[in-house]
Amino acid sequence: MSYKELIREYRKINQLIEQKRIKEAFEILSKLTSICHNTDFANRLENYRETYRNILTYTFEKGDDPEKQQVFNRLIKSILELSDEVKEEIIIQEGMLSHYKLMERYRRESEFKIEELQHWIKELLVRSEVEITGESVNESADNGSKQTEDDTRSRLSEFFKVFWLNNHLTESHINLLQKSRGNSDFPWYYKSLLVSALTMSLLRHFDIEKVKILFNVYEDQENRVWQRALVGILLVFYIHDNRLSFYPEIEQRIKLLKGNRHWNKTIESTVINF
């Protein structure tokens, strides 16, 4: 199977689910899971099939039930998430895209990378405090400035890749994001890089926690950063429109912002510029 064929099948699954043609979506997903070496995908798919059969049986026997829709929505979310994971696994397994080799390494080293970055951010904030207070530094600092610049570039690259190449945010990821986002001494251009990493990751693989972070960054209203978060949110809405209704937390955030004139005006301006 080629990359184009895989993406075509993946999009077809999403379209069928959107049209509530679940059985047909299962058939295509079954074909994809058979390609994967990871047997867990096939087991999960069978469990979802069984759940779907139970929903149909329950609907026929019990008729209308207010909880039925909630159960169905949870199933749809699970199927979409499985489809995402299967697509990613096949790309890595078959070596379809070069940067996915890098992704596999970052998945394995994710927690270690997070620890390194937490230490780097702590050092960065200490240096920033020293510069602000005007405390004296050793003459060797000038000699080491080039090394510091090189180290900063390297760390920023790691910072970007950790959030771009991971499909789902862990608690460690979220803690690092909160520490970075919530500190006024952390430069805006670093925060912008972080927003770009989250946006690019979301275009590849949906994760509700990343969407929440983008909303939080927008609501922080830090100049030159919130604008990028807004564009990221709109791109997520465009790419993943078929699944947004299954996440009430997103609908709730939108409802809260709809009465905000600034939100409405910037949305309009952004859409027009696109």
Foldseek 3Di string as FASTA:
>chain_A
DALVVLVVLLVVLLVCVLVVVNVVSLVSQCVLCVVFPDCVLVVVSVVLVVLVVVLVVCCVVPPDDPCSVLSVLVSSVVSNQSSLVSSLRCCLVVVNDVCSVVLVVCVVCLVVLLVVLVVVVVVQLVVLVCVVVVPDDDPCCVVCVVVVVVVVVVNLVSLLCSLQSDQEDDPSNVVSLCVQLVDPSNDLVSLQSNLVSLLNNCLSHNYVVSLVSLLVSLVVVDPPRNLSSLVSNVVNCVRVVSSPVSDVVVVVSCVVCVVPPVNVVSVVVVVVVD
